[in-house]
Amino acid sequence: MKGKFITFEGIDGAGKSSHVEWLTELLRSKGHTVLMTREPGGTQLGERLRDLLLHEPMHLETETLLMFAARREHLAQVIEPALARGDWVVCDRFTDATYAYQGGGRGLERAKLQQLESWVHGHLQPDLTLLFDLPLDVARERIALAERSLDRFEQERADFHERVRQAYLERAHAAPSRIHVINAQQSIDDIRNVLENTVVTFCS
């Protein structure tokens, strides 16, 4: 039986990454074999491309092509084999992020993103996407408090991040059966209760 593919999305500072491991462990406790991974990355090559994407300036189309190159490798080497085994995959970001960041944030034409998506994984979409959403000013405060160096996406101006957020919300509106919006301003316990209820409903 084919496994399930769950993705986490959200603007920088939304706090989604802190819940990825928790949900993975929750699913394992329910008897599922679960692979936890991330994008860009997830493979040796993908992690090398991730380092370039997060830290090296480049043309927008180069950036987008590298995102999809890392994704194709990730799918071929990790995601597709896991799903074929019947495992579940929990992934921190996927193609919704490319539509939000390279499309919404940077303004790449939607048609180009659609062509790349169709070519790279027209046969596969996430079964469930958990979109962490919160006001931009809250997200920016969280980024400012981060005790680490910021990547080049996190360093972008506020208007960039607002465009990313709106692109995410537009995708959620267009695909309500797949994308579930999570209010990321809630407490960690409240967010995890929502996540558990959402996934239990999804699994039933």
Protein backbone atom coordinates (compact mmCIF):
# COMPACT_ATOMS: atom_id res chain seq x y z
CA MET A 1 0.00 0.00 0.00
CA LYS A 2 1.29 3.44 -0.94
CA GLY A 3 2.34 5.59 2.00
CA LYS A 4 1.18 9.11 2.83
CA PHE A 5 3.04 12.32 2.04
CA ILE A 6 2.67 15.22 4.53
CA THR A 7 4.36 18.58 4.06
CA PHE A 8 4.92 21.57 6.37
CA GLU A 9 4.90 25.10 4.96
CA GLY A 10 5.00 28.70 6.19
CA ILE A 11 6.90 31.95 6.08
CA ASP A 12 10.22 32.28 7.87
CA GLY A 13 9.57 32.73 11.57
CA ALA A 14 6.26 30.81 11.58
CA GLY A 15 7.76 28.12 13.80
CA LYS A 16 6.76 25.13 11.68
CA SER A 17 10.11 23.34 11.89
CA SER A 18 9.80 22.87 15.66
CA HIS A 19 6.69 20.73 15.08
CA VAL A 20 7.99 18.50 12.27
CA GLU A 21 9.85 16.11 14.56
CA TRP A 22 6.95 16.08 17.03
CA LEU A 23 4.45 15.05 14.36
CA THR A 24 6.85 12.41 13.06
CA GLU A 25 7.05 10.86 16.51
CA LEU A 26 3.27 11.07 16.92
CA LEU A 27 2.74 9.15 13.68
CA ARG A 28 5.30 6.55 14.71
CA SER A 29 3.46 6.09 17.99
CA LYS A 30 0.39 5.22 15.95
CA GLY A 31 2.23 2.41 14.21
CA HIS A 32 3.40 4.10 11.02
CA THR A 33 6.90 3.88 9.58
CA VAL A 34 7.78 7.53 9.02
CA LEU A 35 10.60 9.26 7.16
CA MET A 36 11.34 12.85 8.19
CA THR A 37 13.10 15.04 5.63
CA ARG A 38 13.38 18.61 4.33
CA GLU A 39 13.71 20.83 1.26
CA PRO A 40 15.86 22.00 -0.21
CA GLY A 41 17.95 19.04 0.89
CA GLY A 42 17.11 15.52 1.90
CA THR A 43 19.96 13.93 -0.07
CA GLN A 44 23.71 14.45 -0.14
CA LEU A 45 23.43 16.41 -3.38
CA GLY A 46 20.34 18.25 -2.16
CA GLU A 47 22.11 19.43 0.98
CA ARG A 48 24.98 20.81 -1.12
CA LEU A 49 22.47 22.64 -3.30
CA ARG A 50 20.70 23.88 -0.15
CA ASP A 51 23.89 25.54 1.02
CA LEU A 52 24.22 27.35 -2.32
CA LEU A 53 20.55 28.36 -2.39
CA LEU A 54 20.55 29.76 1.13
CA HIS A 55 23.81 31.65 0.95
CA GLU A 56 24.93 32.43 -2.61
CA PRO A 57 23.33 35.26 -4.64
CA MET A 58 22.06 34.09 -8.04
CA HIS A 59 19.62 34.86 -10.85
CA LEU A 60 15.99 34.10 -10.01
CA GLU A 61 15.65 31.47 -12.72
CA THR A 62 18.90 29.80 -11.60
CA GLU A 63 17.52 29.75 -8.06
CA THR A 64 14.26 28.17 -9.20
CA LEU A 65 15.94 25.57 -11.40
CA LEU A 66 18.25 24.56 -8.55
CA MET A 67 15.24 24.22 -6.24
CA PHE A 68 13.60 21.83 -8.66
CA ALA A 69 16.88 19.99 -9.35
CA ALA A 70 17.27 19.33 -5.63
CA ARG A 71 13.61 18.28 -5.52
CA ARG A 72 13.95 15.82 -8.40
CA GLU A 73 16.90 14.13 -6.67
CA HIS A 74 15.00 14.13 -3.38
CA LEU A 75 11.98 12.51 -4.98
CA ALA A 76 13.99 9.88 -6.84
CA GLN A 77 16.31 8.94 -4.01
CA VAL A 78 14.15 9.38 -0.90
CA ILE A 79 10.49 10.30 -1.19
CA GLU A 80 9.25 8.02 -3.97
CA PRO A 81 11.01 4.87 -2.65
CA ALA A 82 9.64 5.51 0.84
CA LEU A 83 6.08 5.96 -0.40
CA ALA A 84 6.39 2.84 -2.58
CA ARG A 85 7.38 0.85 0.52
CA GLY A 86 4.23 2.05 2.24
CA ASP A 87 6.10 4.42 4.57
CA TRP A 88 4.83 7.88 5.47
CA VAL A 89 6.94 10.91 4.56
CA VAL A 90 6.93 14.15 6.59
CA CYS A 91 8.75 16.90 4.71
CA ASP A 92 9.68 20.41 5.86
CA ARG A 93 8.75 22.39 2.70
CA PHE A 94 7.97 21.21 -0.83
CA THR A 95 6.74 22.82 -4.06
CA ASP A 96 4.24 25.13 -2.33
CA ALA A 97 7.32 26.91 -0.97
CA THR A 98 8.66 27.47 -4.48
CA TYR A 99 5.37 29.01 -5.58
CA ALA A 100 5.42 31.20 -2.46
CA TYR A 101 9.08 32.28 -2.44
CA GLN A 102 10.21 32.28 -6.05
CA GLY A 103 6.71 33.02 -7.38
CA GLY A 104 5.06 35.25 -4.79
CA GLY A 105 8.18 36.71 -3.19
CA ARG A 106 10.42 37.15 -6.21
CA GLY A 107 7.80 37.40 -8.96
CA LEU A 108 8.67 34.47 -11.24
CA GLU A 109 5.91 33.80 -13.75
CA ARG A 110 3.46 31.17 -12.57
CA ALA A 111 3.54 29.42 -15.95
CA LYS A 112 7.24 28.63 -15.55
CA LEU A 113 6.65 27.17 -12.10
CA GLN A 114 3.78 25.07 -13.41
CA GLN A 115 5.96 23.72 -16.23
CA LEU A 116 8.71 22.73 -13.83
CA GLU A 117 6.26 21.20 -11.37
CA SER A 118 4.64 19.14 -14.14
CA TRP A 119 8.02 17.95 -15.38
CA VAL A 120 9.55 17.13 -11.98
CA HIS A 121 6.57 15.64 -10.14
CA GLY A 122 3.40 15.93 -12.18
CA HIS A 123 2.53 12.44 -10.94
CA LEU A 124 2.84 13.25 -7.24
CA GLN A 125 1.40 15.83 -4.83
CA PRO A 126 1.36 15.90 -1.02
CA ASP A 127 -1.63 14.18 0.54
CA LEU A 128 -1.76 16.80 3.29
CA THR A 129 -0.05 20.17 3.71
CA LEU A 130 0.07 21.96 7.08
CA LEU A 131 0.51 25.70 6.48
CA PHE A 132 1.71 27.66 9.51
CA ASP A 133 0.45 31.22 9.23
CA LEU A 134 0.91 34.29 11.41
CA PRO A 135 1.13 38.07 10.97
CA LEU A 136 4.34 39.28 9.41
CA ASP A 137 5.32 41.51 12.34
CA VAL A 138 5.25 38.53 14.70
CA ALA A 139 7.31 36.43 12.31
CA ARG A 140 9.85 39.23 11.91
CA GLU A 141 10.19 39.57 15.69
CA ARG A 142 10.92 35.86 15.94
CA ILE A 143 13.56 36.06 13.21
CA ALA A 144 15.19 39.05 14.92
CA LEU A 145 15.47 37.05 18.15
CA ALA A 146 17.11 34.08 16.45
CA GLU A 147 20.57 33.49 17.89
CA ARG A 148 22.13 32.47 14.58
CA SER A 149 23.20 33.95 11.28
CA LEU A 150 20.30 34.48 8.89
CA ASP A 151 20.17 33.01 5.39
CA ARG A 152 19.55 35.22 2.37
CA PHE A 153 15.80 34.54 2.37
CA GLU A 154 15.44 35.46 6.03
CA GLN A 155 17.36 38.68 5.36
CA GLU A 156 14.87 39.85 2.72
CA ARG A 157 12.77 42.98 3.28
CA ALA A 158 9.37 42.83 4.95
CA ASP A 159 7.48 43.35 1.68
CA PHE A 160 9.09 40.21 0.26
CA HIS A 161 7.87 38.14 3.21
CA GLU A 162 4.39 39.62 2.98
CA ARG A 163 4.19 38.60 -0.68
CA VAL A 164 5.33 35.10 0.32
CA ARG A 165 2.63 34.92 2.98
CA GLN A 166 -0.10 36.05 0.60
CA ALA A 167 1.03 33.52 -2.02
CA TYR A 168 0.77 30.77 0.56
CA LEU A 169 -2.73 31.86 1.58
CA GLU A 170 -3.82 32.01 -2.06
CA ARG A 171 -2.67 28.43 -2.55
CA ALA A 172 -4.51 27.36 0.58
CA HIS A 173 -7.68 29.01 -0.72
CA ALA A 174 -7.29 27.21 -4.04
CA ALA A 175 -6.68 23.77 -2.45
CA PRO A 176 -8.63 23.66 0.84
CA SER A 177 -8.91 19.87 0.87
CA ARG A 178 -5.12 19.49 0.86
CA ILE A 179 -3.79 22.60 2.61
CA HIS A 180 -4.84 23.13 6.23
CA VAL A 181 -3.97 26.56 7.66
CA ILE A 182 -2.63 26.51 11.23
CA ASN A 183 -2.77 29.66 13.38
CA ALA A 184 0.90 29.83 14.39
CA GLN A 185 0.25 32.48 17.06
CA GLN A 186 -1.22 29.85 19.36
CA SER A 187 0.75 28.22 22.15
CA ILE A 188 2.85 25.17 21.29
CA ASP A 189 0.39 22.90 23.10
CA ASP A 190 -2.59 24.38 21.26
CA ILE A 191 -0.83 24.05 17.91
CA ARG A 192 0.00 20.42 18.62
CA ASN A 193 -3.59 19.70 19.58
CA VAL A 194 -4.70 21.13 16.23
CA LEU A 195 -2.05 19.12 14.40
CA GLU A 196 -3.06 15.91 16.12
CA ASN A 197 -6.75 16.46 15.43
CA THR A 198 -6.02 17.32 11.80
CA VAL A 199 -3.86 14.27 11.24
CA VAL A 200 -6.24 11.92 13.07
CA THR A 201 -9.04 13.16 10.81
CA PHE A 202 -6.77 12.76 7.79
CA CYS A 203 -5.82 9.20 8.81
CA SER A 204 -9.38 8.06 9.40
